[in-house]
Amino acid sequence: MNSLFRSNNSITHLLSAYANRGMGLVQLKEILRDPLVDLISFKSSLNLKPSDIYKEIKNMRPEDKSQFSIRDSEAIKDEKVRQEQKARLNELVKRCEDIFQRITTNVNRIPYGIRWLCNQ
């Protein structure tokens, strides 16, 4: 299950090849265009790594970040880091749920070949 969506997975290659066959690509673009454009244009970071959030909160200059090191276990102790991580996680979950909802409500529009591959 860990390799399901990795780029080197055979199912991913099959889905990519099938989706690029015209109709599959058109359907996927129609179904996923809006949430993916929203995700790409989202200006805030969705990075959940505590040490990175800590550095962002402290407004460290890029040259300071490379020299500054804090462990995730230390950064997560900061209340502001925990709050920001929770807010980012909620935003990420909301966006994933939107994509999942679009796929499940449009499953009949997805070509049979892609649906068959996803069931394998």
PDB file of N, CA and C in Angstrom:
ATOM      1  N   MET A   1       0.814  -1.192   0.000  1.00  0.00           N
ATOM      2  CA  MET A   1       0.000   0.000   0.000  1.00  0.00           C
ATOM      3  C   MET A   1       0.863   1.264   0.000  1.00  0.00           C
ATOM      4  N   ASN A   2       2.049   1.205   0.617  1.00  0.00           N
ATOM      5  CA  ASN A   2       2.905   2.383   0.687  1.00  0.00           C
ATOM      6  C   ASN A   2       3.338   2.887  -0.683  1.00  0.00           C
ATOM      7  N   SER A   3       3.422   2.000  -1.660  1.00  0.00           N
ATOM      8  CA  SER A   3       3.908   2.411  -2.975  1.00  0.00           C
ATOM      9  C   SER A   3       2.780   2.682  -3.965  1.00  0.00           C
ATOM     10  N   LEU A   4       1.541   2.741  -3.507  1.00  0.00           N
ATOM     11  CA  LEU A   4       0.404   2.886  -4.412  1.00  0.00           C
ATOM     12  C   LEU A   4       0.524   4.106  -5.311  1.00  0.00           C
ATOM     13  N   PHE A   5       0.901   5.260  -4.768  1.00  0.00           N
ATOM     14  CA  PHE A   5       0.934   6.478  -5.565  1.00  0.00           C
ATOM     15  C   PHE A   5       2.343   6.964  -5.885  1.00  0.00           C
ATOM     16  N   ARG A   6       3.319   6.147  -5.693  1.00  0.00           N
ATOM     17  CA  ARG A   6       4.679   6.523  -6.063  1.00  0.00           C
ATOM     18  C   ARG A   6       4.803   6.513  -7.581  1.00  0.00           C
ATOM     19  N   SER A   7       5.633   7.387  -8.096  1.00  0.00           N
ATOM     20  CA  SER A   7       5.734   7.544  -9.546  1.00  0.00           C
ATOM     21  C   SER A   7       6.308   6.315 -10.250  1.00  0.00           C
ATOM     22  N   ASN A   8       7.001   5.454  -9.535  1.00  0.00           N
ATOM     23  CA  ASN A   8       7.598   4.285 -10.179  1.00  0.00           C
ATOM     24  C   ASN A   8       6.712   3.044 -10.068  1.00  0.00           C
ATOM     25  N   ASN A   9       5.527   3.195  -9.568  1.00  0.00           N
ATOM     26  CA  ASN A   9       4.602   2.089  -9.399  1.00  0.00           C
ATOM     27  C   ASN A   9       3.986   1.714 -10.744  1.00  0.00           C
ATOM     28  N   SER A  10       3.820   0.426 -11.011  1.00  0.00           N
ATOM     29  CA  SER A  10       3.296  -0.012 -12.305  1.00  0.00           C
ATOM     30  C   SER A  10       1.864   0.451 -12.536  1.00  0.00           C
ATOM     31  N   ILE A  11       1.034   0.474 -11.493  1.00  0.00           N
ATOM     32  CA  ILE A  11      -0.347   0.955 -11.643  1.00  0.00           C
ATOM     33  C   ILE A  11      -0.339   2.427 -12.035  1.00  0.00           C
ATOM     34  N   THR A  12       0.548   3.211 -11.441  1.00  0.00           N
ATOM     35  CA  THR A  12       0.653   4.630 -11.783  1.00  0.00           C
ATOM     36  C   THR A  12       1.015   4.791 -13.251  1.00  0.00           C
ATOM     37  N   HIS A  13       1.939   3.965 -13.746  1.00  0.00           N
ATOM     38  CA  HIS A  13       2.330   4.029 -15.154  1.00  0.00           C
ATOM     39  C   HIS A  13       1.162   3.641 -16.054  1.00  0.00           C
ATOM     40  N   LEU A  14       0.429   2.603 -15.683  1.00  0.00           N
ATOM     41  CA  LEU A  14      -0.726   2.192 -16.475  1.00  0.00           C
ATOM     42  C   LEU A  14      -1.797   3.280 -16.506  1.00  0.00           C
ATOM     43  N   LEU A  15      -2.080   3.867 -15.353  1.00  0.00           N
ATOM     44  CA  LEU A  15      -3.075   4.934 -15.298  1.00  0.00           C
ATOM     45  C   LEU A  15      -2.638   6.133 -16.130  1.00  0.00           C
ATOM     46  N   SER A  16      -1.379   6.480 -16.049  1.00  0.00           N
ATOM     47  CA  SER A  16      -0.859   7.609 -16.837  1.00  0.00           C
ATOM     48  C   SER A  16      -0.993   7.332 -18.327  1.00  0.00           C
ATOM     49  N   ALA A  17      -0.605   6.144 -18.735  1.00  0.00           N
ATOM     50  CA  ALA A  17      -0.688   5.789 -20.151  1.00  0.00           C
ATOM     51  C   ALA A  17      -2.134   5.792 -20.631  1.00  0.00           C
ATOM     52  N   TYR A  18      -3.022   5.236 -19.839  1.00  0.00           N
ATOM     53  CA  TYR A  18      -4.429   5.191 -20.244  1.00  0.00           C
ATOM     54  C   TYR A  18      -5.033   6.591 -20.277  1.00  0.00           C
ATOM     55  N   ALA A  19      -4.737   7.386 -19.265  1.00  0.00           N
ATOM     56  CA  ALA A  19      -5.308   8.733 -19.184  1.00  0.00           C
ATOM     57  C   ALA A  19      -4.848   9.611 -20.340  1.00  0.00           C
ATOM     58  N   ASN A  20      -3.664   9.366 -20.868  1.00  0.00           N
ATOM     59  CA  ASN A  20      -3.141  10.165 -21.973  1.00  0.00           C
ATOM     60  C   ASN A  20      -3.704   9.753 -23.325  1.00  0.00           C
ATOM     61  N   ARG A  21      -4.637   8.819 -23.338  1.00  0.00           N
ATOM     62  CA  ARG A  21      -5.200   8.321 -24.590  1.00  0.00           C
ATOM     63  C   ARG A  21      -6.359   9.171 -25.103  1.00  0.00           C
ATOM     64  N   GLY A  22      -6.473  10.391 -24.718  1.00  0.00           N
ATOM     65  CA  GLY A  22      -7.534  11.239 -25.252  1.00  0.00           C
ATOM     66  C   GLY A  22      -8.687  11.397 -24.301  1.00  0.00           C
ATOM     67  N   MET A  23      -9.702  10.554 -24.459  1.00  0.00           N
ATOM     68  CA  MET A  23     -10.912  10.699 -23.662  1.00  0.00           C
ATOM     69  C   MET A  23     -10.626  10.610 -22.165  1.00  0.00           C
ATOM     70  N   GLY A  24      -9.757   9.719 -21.781  1.00  0.00           N
ATOM     71  CA  GLY A  24      -9.417   9.602 -20.363  1.00  0.00           C
ATOM     72  C   GLY A  24      -8.810  10.882 -19.833  1.00  0.00           C
ATOM     73  N   LEU A  25      -7.947  11.497 -20.623  1.00  0.00           N
ATOM     74  CA  LEU A  25      -7.302  12.739 -20.219  1.00  0.00           C
ATOM     75  C   LEU A  25      -8.314  13.876 -20.126  1.00  0.00           C
ATOM     76  N   VAL A  26      -9.213  13.962 -21.089  1.00  0.00           N
ATOM     77  CA  VAL A  26     -10.245  15.005 -21.082  1.00  0.00           C
ATOM     78  C   VAL A  26     -11.119  14.873 -19.840  1.00  0.00           C
ATOM     79  N   GLN A  27     -11.553  13.659 -19.533  1.00  0.00           N
ATOM     80  CA  GLN A  27     -12.414  13.440 -18.365  1.00  0.00           C
ATOM     81  C   GLN A  27     -11.693  13.795 -17.069  1.00  0.00           C
ATOM     82  N   LEU A  28     -10.450  13.348 -16.931  1.00  0.00           N
ATOM     83  CA  LEU A  28      -9.710  13.654 -15.711  1.00  0.00           C
ATOM     84  C   LEU A  28      -9.481  15.155 -15.554  1.00  0.00           C
ATOM     85  N   LYS A  29      -9.200  15.838 -16.655  1.00  0.00           N
ATOM     86  CA  LYS A  29      -9.021  17.290 -16.594  1.00  0.00           C
ATOM     87  C   LYS A  29     -10.305  17.982 -16.152  1.00  0.00           C
ATOM     88  N   GLU A  30     -11.429  17.553 -16.704  1.00  0.00           N
ATOM     89  CA  GLU A  30     -12.706  18.172 -16.330  1.00  0.00           C
ATOM     90  C   GLU A  30     -13.034  17.942 -14.860  1.00  0.00           C
ATOM     91  N   ILE A  31     -12.760  16.763 -14.375  1.00  0.00           N
ATOM     92  CA  ILE A  31     -13.113  16.409 -12.997  1.00  0.00           C
ATOM     93  C   ILE A  31     -12.176  17.062 -11.990  1.00  0.00           C
ATOM     94  N   LEU A  32     -10.883  17.093 -12.282  1.00  0.00           N
ATOM     95  CA  LEU A  32      -9.893  17.524 -11.287  1.00  0.00           C
ATOM     96  C   LEU A  32      -9.330  18.929 -11.493  1.00  0.00           C
ATOM     97  N   ARG A  33      -9.681  19.584 -12.582  1.00  0.00           N
ATOM     98  CA  ARG A  33      -9.096  20.893 -12.896  1.00  0.00           C
ATOM     99  C   ARG A  33      -9.258  21.895 -11.754  1.00  0.00           C
ATOM    100  N   ASP A  34     -10.477  22.151 -11.320  1.00  0.00           N
ATOM    101  CA  ASP A  34     -10.720  23.199 -10.330  1.00  0.00           C
ATOM    102  C   ASP A  34      -9.986  22.980  -9.004  1.00  0.00           C
ATOM    103  N   PRO A  35     -10.092  21.788  -8.383  1.00  0.00           N
ATOM    104  CA  PRO A  35      -9.382  21.646  -7.108  1.00  0.00           C
ATOM    105  C   PRO A  35      -7.863  21.682  -7.255  1.00  0.00           C
ATOM    106  N   LEU A  36      -7.333  21.200  -8.380  1.00  0.00           N
ATOM    107  CA  LEU A  36      -5.881  21.231  -8.563  1.00  0.00           C
ATOM    108  C   LEU A  36      -5.380  22.642  -8.851  1.00  0.00           C
ATOM    109  N   VAL A  37      -6.142  23.426  -9.609  1.00  0.00           N
ATOM    110  CA  VAL A  37      -5.769  24.823  -9.837  1.00  0.00           C
ATOM    111  C   VAL A  37      -5.802  25.585  -8.515  1.00  0.00           C
ATOM    112  N   ASP A  38      -6.831  25.334  -7.709  1.00  0.00           N
ATOM    113  CA  ASP A  38      -6.907  25.977  -6.386  1.00  0.00           C
ATOM    114  C   ASP A  38      -5.709  25.597  -5.521  1.00  0.00           C
ATOM    115  N   LEU A  39      -5.331  24.338  -5.554  1.00  0.00           N
ATOM    116  CA  LEU A  39      -4.206  23.872  -4.746  1.00  0.00           C
ATOM    117  C   LEU A  39      -2.891  24.511  -5.208  1.00  0.00           C
ATOM    118  N   ILE A  40      -2.698  24.581  -6.507  1.00  0.00           N
ATOM    119  CA  ILE A  40      -1.473  25.164  -7.053  1.00  0.00           C
ATOM    120  C   ILE A  40      -1.393  26.659  -6.754  1.00  0.00           C
ATOM    121  N   SER A  41      -2.527  27.332  -6.800  1.00  0.00           N
ATOM    122  CA  SER A  41      -2.528  28.780  -6.579  1.00  0.00           C
ATOM    123  C   SER A  41      -2.608  29.161  -5.100  1.00  0.00           C
ATOM    124  N   PHE A  42      -2.731  28.176  -4.232  1.00  0.00           N
ATOM    125  CA  PHE A  42      -2.803  28.436  -2.789  1.00  0.00           C
ATOM    126  C   PHE A  42      -1.477  29.019  -2.336  1.00  0.00           C
ATOM    127  N   LYS A  43      -1.509  30.207  -1.764  1.00  0.00           N
ATOM    128  CA  LYS A  43      -0.278  30.947  -1.453  1.00  0.00           C
ATOM    129  C   LYS A  43       0.399  30.503  -0.158  1.00  0.00           C
ATOM    130  N   SER A  44      -0.352  30.003   0.792  1.00  0.00           N
ATOM    131  CA  SER A  44       0.236  29.594   2.069  1.00  0.00           C
ATOM    132  C   SER A  44       0.880  28.221   1.946  1.00  0.00           C
ATOM    133  N   SER A  45       1.792  27.946   2.850  1.00  0.00           N
ATOM    134  CA  SER A  45       2.470  26.659   2.862  1.00  0.00           C
ATOM    135  C   SER A  45       1.579  25.595   3.514  1.00  0.00           C
ATOM    136  N   LEU A  46       1.658  24.396   2.997  1.00  0.00           N
ATOM    137  CA  LEU A  46       0.963  23.256   3.607  1.00  0.00           C
ATOM    138  C   LEU A  46       1.983  22.266   4.179  1.00  0.00           C
ATOM    139  N   ASN A  47       3.220  22.701   4.318  1.00  0.00           N
ATOM    140  CA  ASN A  47       4.280  21.888   4.895  1.00  0.00           C
ATOM    141  C   ASN A  47       3.942  21.629   6.371  1.00  0.00           C
ATOM    142  N   LEU A  48       3.931  20.369   6.781  1.00  0.00           N
ATOM    143  CA  LEU A  48       3.565  19.995   8.146  1.00  0.00           C
ATOM    144  C   LEU A  48       4.765  19.717   9.042  1.00  0.00           C
ATOM    145  N   LYS A  49       5.958  19.832   8.518  1.00  0.00           N
ATOM    146  CA  LYS A  49       7.162  19.511   9.303  1.00  0.00           C
ATOM    147  C   LYS A  49       7.356  20.575  10.388  1.00  0.00           C
ATOM    148  N   PRO A  50       7.329  20.177  11.659  1.00  0.00           N
ATOM    149  CA  PRO A  50       7.409  21.140  12.762  1.00  0.00           C
ATOM    150  C   PRO A  50       8.609  22.076  12.711  1.00  0.00           C
ATOM    151  N   SER A  51       9.791  21.565  12.364  1.00  0.00           N
ATOM    152  CA  SER A  51      10.979  22.425  12.335  1.00  0.00           C
ATOM    153  C   SER A  51      10.860  23.501  11.251  1.00  0.00           C
ATOM    154  N   ASP A  52      10.253  23.169  10.119  1.00  0.00           N
ATOM    155  CA  ASP A  52      10.058  24.160   9.060  1.00  0.00           C
ATOM    156  C   ASP A  52       9.031  25.210   9.480  1.00  0.00           C
ATOM    157  N   ILE A  53       7.968  24.772  10.132  1.00  0.00           N
ATOM    158  CA  ILE A  53       6.955  25.713  10.628  1.00  0.00           C
ATOM    159  C   ILE A  53       7.582  26.651  11.647  1.00  0.00           C
ATOM    160  N   TYR A  54       8.402  26.099  12.531  1.00  0.00           N
ATOM    161  CA  TYR A  54       9.069  26.903  13.553  1.00  0.00           C
ATOM    162  C   TYR A  54       9.909  28.005  12.903  1.00  0.00           C
ATOM    163  N   LYS A  55      10.667  27.631  11.880  1.00  0.00           N
ATOM    164  CA  LYS A  55      11.515  28.601  11.189  1.00  0.00           C
ATOM    165  C   LYS A  55      10.669  29.683  10.508  1.00  0.00           C
ATOM    166  N   GLU A  56       9.546  29.288   9.926  1.00  0.00           N
ATOM    167  CA  GLU A  56       8.653  30.262   9.290  1.00  0.00           C
ATOM    168  C   GLU A  56       8.060  31.212  10.323  1.00  0.00           C
ATOM    169  N   ILE A  57       7.642  30.686  11.445  1.00  0.00           N
ATOM    170  CA  ILE A  57       7.044  31.512  12.496  1.00  0.00           C
ATOM    171  C   ILE A  57       8.059  32.514  13.037  1.00  0.00           C
ATOM    172  N   LYS A  58       9.275  32.093  13.175  1.00  0.00           N
ATOM    173  CA  LYS A  58      10.324  32.966  13.706  1.00  0.00           C
ATOM    174  C   LYS A  58      10.824  33.958  12.655  1.00  0.00           C
ATOM    175  N   ASN A  59      10.253  33.884  11.437  1.00  0.00           N
ATOM    176  CA  ASN A  59      10.618  34.798  10.347  1.00  0.00           C
ATOM    177  C   ASN A  59      12.120  34.868  10.121  1.00  0.00           C
ATOM    178  N   MET A  60      12.707  33.718  10.045  1.00  0.00           N
ATOM    179  CA  MET A  60      14.149  33.666   9.856  1.00  0.00           C
ATOM    180  C   MET A  60      14.486  33.956   8.400  1.00  0.00           C
ATOM    181  N   ARG A  61      15.554  34.679   8.193  1.00  0.00           N
ATOM    182  CA  ARG A  61      16.033  34.959   6.845  1.00  0.00           C
ATOM    183  C   ARG A  61      16.570  33.651   6.247  1.00  0.00           C
ATOM    184  N   PRO A  62      16.511  33.518   4.914  1.00  0.00           N
ATOM    185  CA  PRO A  62      16.984  32.271   4.278  1.00  0.00           C
ATOM    186  C   PRO A  62      18.398  31.883   4.680  1.00  0.00           C
ATOM    187  N   GLU A  63      19.277  32.867   4.818  1.00  0.00           N
ATOM    188  CA  GLU A  63      20.662  32.517   5.178  1.00  0.00           C
ATOM    189  C   GLU A  63      20.753  32.034   6.624  1.00  0.00           C
ATOM    190  N   ASP A  64      19.839  32.486   7.488  1.00  0.00           N
ATOM    191  CA  ASP A  64      19.820  32.023   8.875  1.00  0.00           C
ATOM    192  C   ASP A  64      19.270  30.604   8.975  1.00  0.00           C
ATOM    193  N   LYS A  65      18.320  30.268   8.101  1.00  0.00           N
ATOM    194  CA  LYS A  65      17.672  28.953   8.164  1.00  0.00           C
ATOM    195  C   LYS A  65      18.660  27.822   7.917  1.00  0.00           C
ATOM    196  N   SER A  66      19.609  28.043   7.027  1.00  0.00           N
ATOM    197  CA  SER A  66      20.553  26.975   6.714  1.00  0.00           C
ATOM    198  C   SER A  66      21.505  26.711   7.886  1.00  0.00           C
ATOM    199  N   GLN A  67      21.748  27.719   8.689  1.00  0.00           N
ATOM    200  CA  GLN A  67      22.659  27.555   9.816  1.00  0.00           C
ATOM    201  C   GLN A  67      21.928  27.151  11.091  1.00  0.00           C
ATOM    202  N   PHE A  68      20.630  27.408  11.122  1.00  0.00           N
ATOM    203  CA  PHE A  68      19.847  27.127  12.312  1.00  0.00           C
ATOM    204  C   PHE A  68      19.273  25.725  12.225  1.00  0.00           C
ATOM    205  N   SER A  69      19.420  24.970  13.289  1.00  0.00           N
ATOM    206  CA  SER A  69      18.895  23.614  13.292  1.00  0.00           C
ATOM    207  C   SER A  69      18.068  23.390  14.550  1.00  0.00           C
ATOM    208  N   ILE A  70      16.857  22.907  14.358  1.00  0.00           N
ATOM    209  CA  ILE A  70      15.999  22.534  15.481  1.00  0.00           C
ATOM    210  C   ILE A  70      15.343  21.223  15.108  1.00  0.00           C
ATOM    211  N   ARG A  71      15.281  20.344  16.059  1.00  0.00           N
ATOM    212  CA  ARG A  71      14.653  19.043  15.825  1.00  0.00           C
ATOM    213  C   ARG A  71      13.138  19.202  15.833  1.00  0.00           C
ATOM    214  N   ASP A  72      12.486  18.326  15.086  1.00  0.00           N
ATOM    215  CA  ASP A  72      11.028  18.345  15.068  1.00  0.00           C
ATOM    216  C   ASP A  72      10.458  18.135  16.468  1.00  0.00           C
ATOM    217  N   SER A  73      11.088  17.264  17.234  1.00  0.00           N
ATOM    218  CA  SER A  73      10.607  16.972  18.593  1.00  0.00           C
ATOM    219  C   SER A  73      10.681  18.198  19.500  1.00  0.00           C
ATOM    220  N   GLU A  74      11.620  19.094  19.225  1.00  0.00           N
ATOM    221  CA  GLU A  74      11.725  20.342  19.992  1.00  0.00           C
ATOM    222  C   GLU A  74      10.758  21.394  19.458  1.00  0.00           C
ATOM    223  N   ALA A  75      10.675  21.493  18.146  1.00  0.00           N
ATOM    224  CA  ALA A  75       9.820  22.511  17.524  1.00  0.00           C
ATOM    225  C   ALA A  75       8.346  22.293  17.864  1.00  0.00           C
ATOM    226  N   ILE A  76       7.920  21.041  17.955  1.00  0.00           N
ATOM    227  CA  ILE A  76       6.511  20.741  18.208  1.00  0.00           C
ATOM    228  C   ILE A  76       6.083  21.136  19.614  1.00  0.00           C
ATOM    229  N   LYS A  77       7.036  21.397  20.482  1.00  0.00           N
ATOM    230  CA  LYS A  77       6.706  21.839  21.841  1.00  0.00           C
ATOM    231  C   LYS A  77       6.191  23.273  21.863  1.00  0.00           C
ATOM    232  N   ASP A  78       6.478  24.023  20.824  1.00  0.00           N
ATOM    233  CA  ASP A  78       6.029  25.408  20.723  1.00  0.00           C
ATOM    234  C   ASP A  78       4.530  25.432  20.384  1.00  0.00           C
ATOM    235  N   GLU A  79       3.751  26.139  21.178  1.00  0.00           N
ATOM    236  CA  GLU A  79       2.293  26.192  20.991  1.00  0.00           C
ATOM    237  C   GLU A  79       1.911  26.767  19.630  1.00  0.00           C
ATOM    238  N   LYS A  80       2.615  27.802  19.180  1.00  0.00           N
ATOM    239  CA  LYS A  80       2.312  28.403  17.878  1.00  0.00           C
ATOM    240  C   LYS A  80       2.570  27.411  16.746  1.00  0.00           C
ATOM    241  N   VAL A  81       3.597  26.597  16.889  1.00  0.00           N
ATOM    242  CA  VAL A  81       3.901  25.579  15.877  1.00  0.00           C
ATOM    243  C   VAL A  81       2.773  24.555  15.820  1.00  0.00           C
ATOM    244  N   ARG A  82       2.316  24.111  16.990  1.00  0.00           N
ATOM    245  CA  ARG A  82       1.221  23.136  17.030  1.00  0.00           C
ATOM    246  C   ARG A  82      -0.052  23.709  16.411  1.00  0.00           C
ATOM    247  N   GLN A  83      -0.363  24.960  16.721  1.00  0.00           N
ATOM    248  CA  GLN A  83      -1.571  25.590  16.170  1.00  0.00           C
ATOM    249  C   GLN A  83      -1.472  25.720  14.654  1.00  0.00           C
ATOM    250  N   GLU A  84      -0.317  26.160  14.177  1.00  0.00           N
ATOM    251  CA  GLU A  84      -0.133  26.325  12.730  1.00  0.00           C
ATOM    252  C   GLU A  84      -0.163  24.976  12.023  1.00  0.00           C
ATOM    253  N   GLN A  85       0.446  23.967  12.626  1.00  0.00           N
ATOM    254  CA  GLN A  85       0.436  22.631  12.029  1.00  0.00           C
ATOM    255  C   GLN A  85      -0.995  22.100  11.945  1.00  0.00           C
ATOM    256  N   LYS A  86      -1.773  22.326  12.991  1.00  0.00           N
ATOM    257  CA  LYS A  86      -3.171  21.880  12.991  1.00  0.00           C
ATOM    258  C   LYS A  86      -3.974  22.599  11.908  1.00  0.00           C
ATOM    259  N   ALA A  87      -3.758  23.901  11.762  1.00  0.00           N
ATOM    260  CA  ALA A  87      -4.465  24.674  10.731  1.00  0.00           C
ATOM    261  C   ALA A  87      -4.093  24.177   9.332  1.00  0.00           C
ATOM    262  N   ARG A  88      -2.807  23.915   9.118  1.00  0.00           N
ATOM    263  CA  ARG A  88      -2.357  23.410   7.817  1.00  0.00           C
ATOM    264  C   ARG A  88      -2.911  22.019   7.539  1.00  0.00           C
ATOM    265  N   LEU A  89      -2.926  21.175   8.560  1.00  0.00           N
ATOM    266  CA  LEU A  89      -3.465  19.832   8.395  1.00  0.00           C
ATOM    267  C   LEU A  89      -4.944  19.895   8.033  1.00  0.00           C
ATOM    268  N   ASN A  90      -5.692  20.760   8.700  1.00  0.00           N
ATOM    269  CA  ASN A  90      -7.117  20.920   8.390  1.00  0.00           C
ATOM    270  C   ASN A  90      -7.320  21.379   6.946  1.00  0.00           C
ATOM    271  N   GLU A  91      -6.497  22.306   6.494  1.00  0.00           N
ATOM    272  CA  GLU A  91      -6.580  22.796   5.114  1.00  0.00           C
ATOM    273  C   GLU A  91      -6.241  21.681   4.129  1.00  0.00           C
ATOM    274  N   LEU A  92      -5.231  20.914   4.425  1.00  0.00           N
ATOM    275  CA  LEU A  92      -4.824  19.812   3.563  1.00  0.00           C
ATOM    276  C   LEU A  92      -5.908  18.742   3.491  1.00  0.00           C
ATOM    277  N   VAL A  93      -6.491  18.408   4.631  1.00  0.00           N
ATOM    278  CA  VAL A  93      -7.572  17.416   4.667  1.00  0.00           C
ATOM    279  C   VAL A  93      -8.767  17.911   3.865  1.00  0.00           C
ATOM    280  N   LYS A  94      -9.107  19.194   4.017  1.00  0.00           N
ATOM    281  CA  LYS A  94     -10.229  19.770   3.280  1.00  0.00           C
ATOM    282  C   LYS A  94     -10.006  19.657   1.777  1.00  0.00           C
ATOM    283  N   ARG A  95      -8.797  19.956   1.344  1.00  0.00           N
ATOM    284  CA  ARG A  95      -8.488  19.890  -0.086  1.00  0.00           C
ATOM    285  C   ARG A  95      -8.485  18.441  -0.600  1.00  0.00           C
ATOM    286  N   CYS A  96      -7.969  17.517   0.192  1.00  0.00           N
ATOM    287  CA  CYS A  96      -7.991  16.096  -0.196  1.00  0.00           C
ATOM    288  C   CYS A  96      -9.416  15.571  -0.259  1.00  0.00           C
ATOM    289  N   GLU A  97     -10.230  15.961   0.693  1.00  0.00           N
ATOM    290  CA  GLU A  97     -11.632  15.533   0.691  1.00  0.00           C
ATOM    291  C   GLU A  97     -12.361  16.059  -0.539  1.00  0.00           C
ATOM    292  N   ASP A  98     -12.053  17.286  -0.948  1.00  0.00           N
ATOM    293  CA  ASP A  98     -12.676  17.859  -2.144  1.00  0.00           C
ATOM    294  C   ASP A  98     -12.300  17.057  -3.383  1.00  0.00           C
ATOM    295  N   ILE A  99     -11.017  16.727  -3.511  1.00  0.00           N
ATOM    296  CA  ILE A  99     -10.572  15.928  -4.661  1.00  0.00           C
ATOM    297  C   ILE A  99     -11.215  14.545  -4.628  1.00  0.00           C
ATOM    298  N   PHE A 100     -11.237  13.918  -3.467  1.00  0.00           N
ATOM    299  CA  PHE A 100     -11.846  12.593  -3.334  1.00  0.00           C
ATOM    300  C   PHE A 100     -13.339  12.644  -3.671  1.00  0.00           C
ATOM    301  N   GLN A 101     -14.026  13.667  -3.185  1.00  0.00           N
ATOM    302  CA  GLN A 101     -15.461  13.825  -3.448  1.00  0.00           C
ATOM    303  C   GLN A 101     -15.714  13.999  -4.946  1.00  0.00           C
ATOM    304  N   ARG A 102     -14.877  14.776  -5.620  1.00  0.00           N
ATOM    305  CA  ARG A 102     -15.041  14.977  -7.062  1.00  0.00           C
ATOM    306  C   ARG A 102     -14.843  13.665  -7.826  1.00  0.00           C
ATOM    307  N   ILE A 103     -13.878  12.875  -7.389  1.00  0.00           N
ATOM    308  CA  ILE A 103     -13.641  11.595  -8.059  1.00  0.00           C
ATOM    309  C   ILE A 103     -14.813  10.651  -7.834  1.00  0.00           C
ATOM    310  N   THR A 104     -15.266  10.526  -6.584  1.00  0.00           N
ATOM    311  CA  THR A 104     -16.333   9.564  -6.285  1.00  0.00           C
ATOM    312  C   THR A 104     -17.681   9.972  -6.872  1.00  0.00           C
ATOM    313  N   THR A 105     -17.964  11.272  -6.955  1.00  0.00           N
ATOM    314  CA  THR A 105     -19.247  11.689  -7.528  1.00  0.00           C
ATOM    315  C   THR A 105     -19.236  11.650  -9.045  1.00  0.00           C
ATOM    316  N   ASN A 106     -18.067  11.570  -9.652  1.00  0.00           N
ATOM    317  CA  ASN A 106     -17.959  11.538 -11.109  1.00  0.00           C
ATOM    318  C   ASN A 106     -17.440  10.204 -11.624  1.00  0.00           C
ATOM    319  N   VAL A 107     -17.517   9.177 -10.807  1.00  0.00           N
ATOM    320  CA  VAL A 107     -16.942   7.887 -11.180  1.00  0.00           C
ATOM    321  C   VAL A 107     -17.538   7.356 -12.486  1.00  0.00           C
ATOM    322  N   ASN A 108     -18.799   7.639 -12.759  1.00  0.00           N
ATOM    323  CA  ASN A 108     -19.408   7.139 -13.999  1.00  0.00           C
ATOM    324  C   ASN A 108     -18.892   7.865 -15.240  1.00  0.00           C
ATOM    325  N   ARG A 109     -18.296   9.025 -15.070  1.00  0.00           N
ATOM    326  CA  ARG A 109     -17.720   9.768 -16.198  1.00  0.00           C
ATOM    327  C   ARG A 109     -16.312   9.287 -16.525  1.00  0.00           C
ATOM    328  N   ILE A 110     -15.683   8.610 -15.590  1.00  0.00           N
ATOM    329  CA  ILE A 110     -14.321   8.118 -15.804  1.00  0.00           C
ATOM    330  C   ILE A 110     -14.395   6.875 -16.700  1.00  0.00           C
ATOM    331  N   PRO A 111     -13.597   6.824 -17.741  1.00  0.00           N
ATOM    332  CA  PRO A 111     -13.641   5.676 -18.650  1.00  0.00           C
ATOM    333  C   PRO A 111     -13.459   4.342 -17.910  1.00  0.00           C
ATOM    334  N   TYR A 112     -14.136   3.322 -18.435  1.00  0.00           N
ATOM    335  CA  TYR A 112     -14.127   2.010 -17.797  1.00  0.00           C
ATOM    336  C   TYR A 112     -12.708   1.486 -17.589  1.00  0.00           C
ATOM    337  N   GLY A 113     -11.820   1.692 -18.538  1.00  0.00           N
ATOM    338  CA  GLY A 113     -10.456   1.176 -18.424  1.00  0.00           C
ATOM    339  C   GLY A 113      -9.736   1.711 -17.196  1.00  0.00           C
ATOM    340  N   ILE A 114      -9.907   2.990 -16.897  1.00  0.00           N
ATOM    341  CA  ILE A 114      -9.274   3.573 -15.711  1.00  0.00           C
ATOM    342  C   ILE A 114      -9.912   3.000 -14.459  1.00  0.00           C
ATOM    343  N   ARG A 115     -11.238   2.861 -14.465  1.00  0.00           N
ATOM    344  CA  ARG A 115     -11.918   2.277 -13.290  1.00  0.00           C
ATOM    345  C   ARG A 115     -11.449   0.841 -13.067  1.00  0.00           C
ATOM    346  N   TRP A 116     -11.272   0.096 -14.154  1.00  0.00           N
ATOM    347  CA  TRP A 116     -10.818  -1.279 -14.025  1.00  0.00           C
ATOM    348  C   TRP A 116      -9.408  -1.323 -13.440  1.00  0.00           C
ATOM    349  N   LEU A 117      -8.509  -0.454 -13.922  1.00  0.00           N
ATOM    350  CA  LEU A 117      -7.151  -0.408 -13.399  1.00  0.00           C
ATOM    351  C   LEU A 117      -7.143  -0.054 -11.917  1.00  0.00           C
ATOM    352  N   CYS A 118      -8.006   0.865 -11.509  1.00  0.00           N
ATOM    353  CA  CYS A 118      -8.052   1.274 -10.099  1.00  0.00           C
ATOM    354  C   CYS A 118      -8.555   0.151  -9.202  1.00  0.00           C
ATOM    355  N   ASN A 119      -9.310  -0.758  -9.733  1.00  0.00           N
ATOM    356  CA  ASN A 119      -9.816  -1.888  -8.941  1.00  0.00           C
ATOM    357  C   ASN A 119      -8.784  -2.997  -8.793  1.00  0.00           C
ATOM    358  N   GLN A 120      -7.707  -2.937  -9.558  1.00  0.00           N
ATOM    359  CA  GLN A 120      -6.704  -4.005  -9.529  1.00  0.00           C
ATOM    360  C   GLN A 120      -5.801  -3.914  -8.342  1.00  0.00           C
TER     361      GLN A 120
END
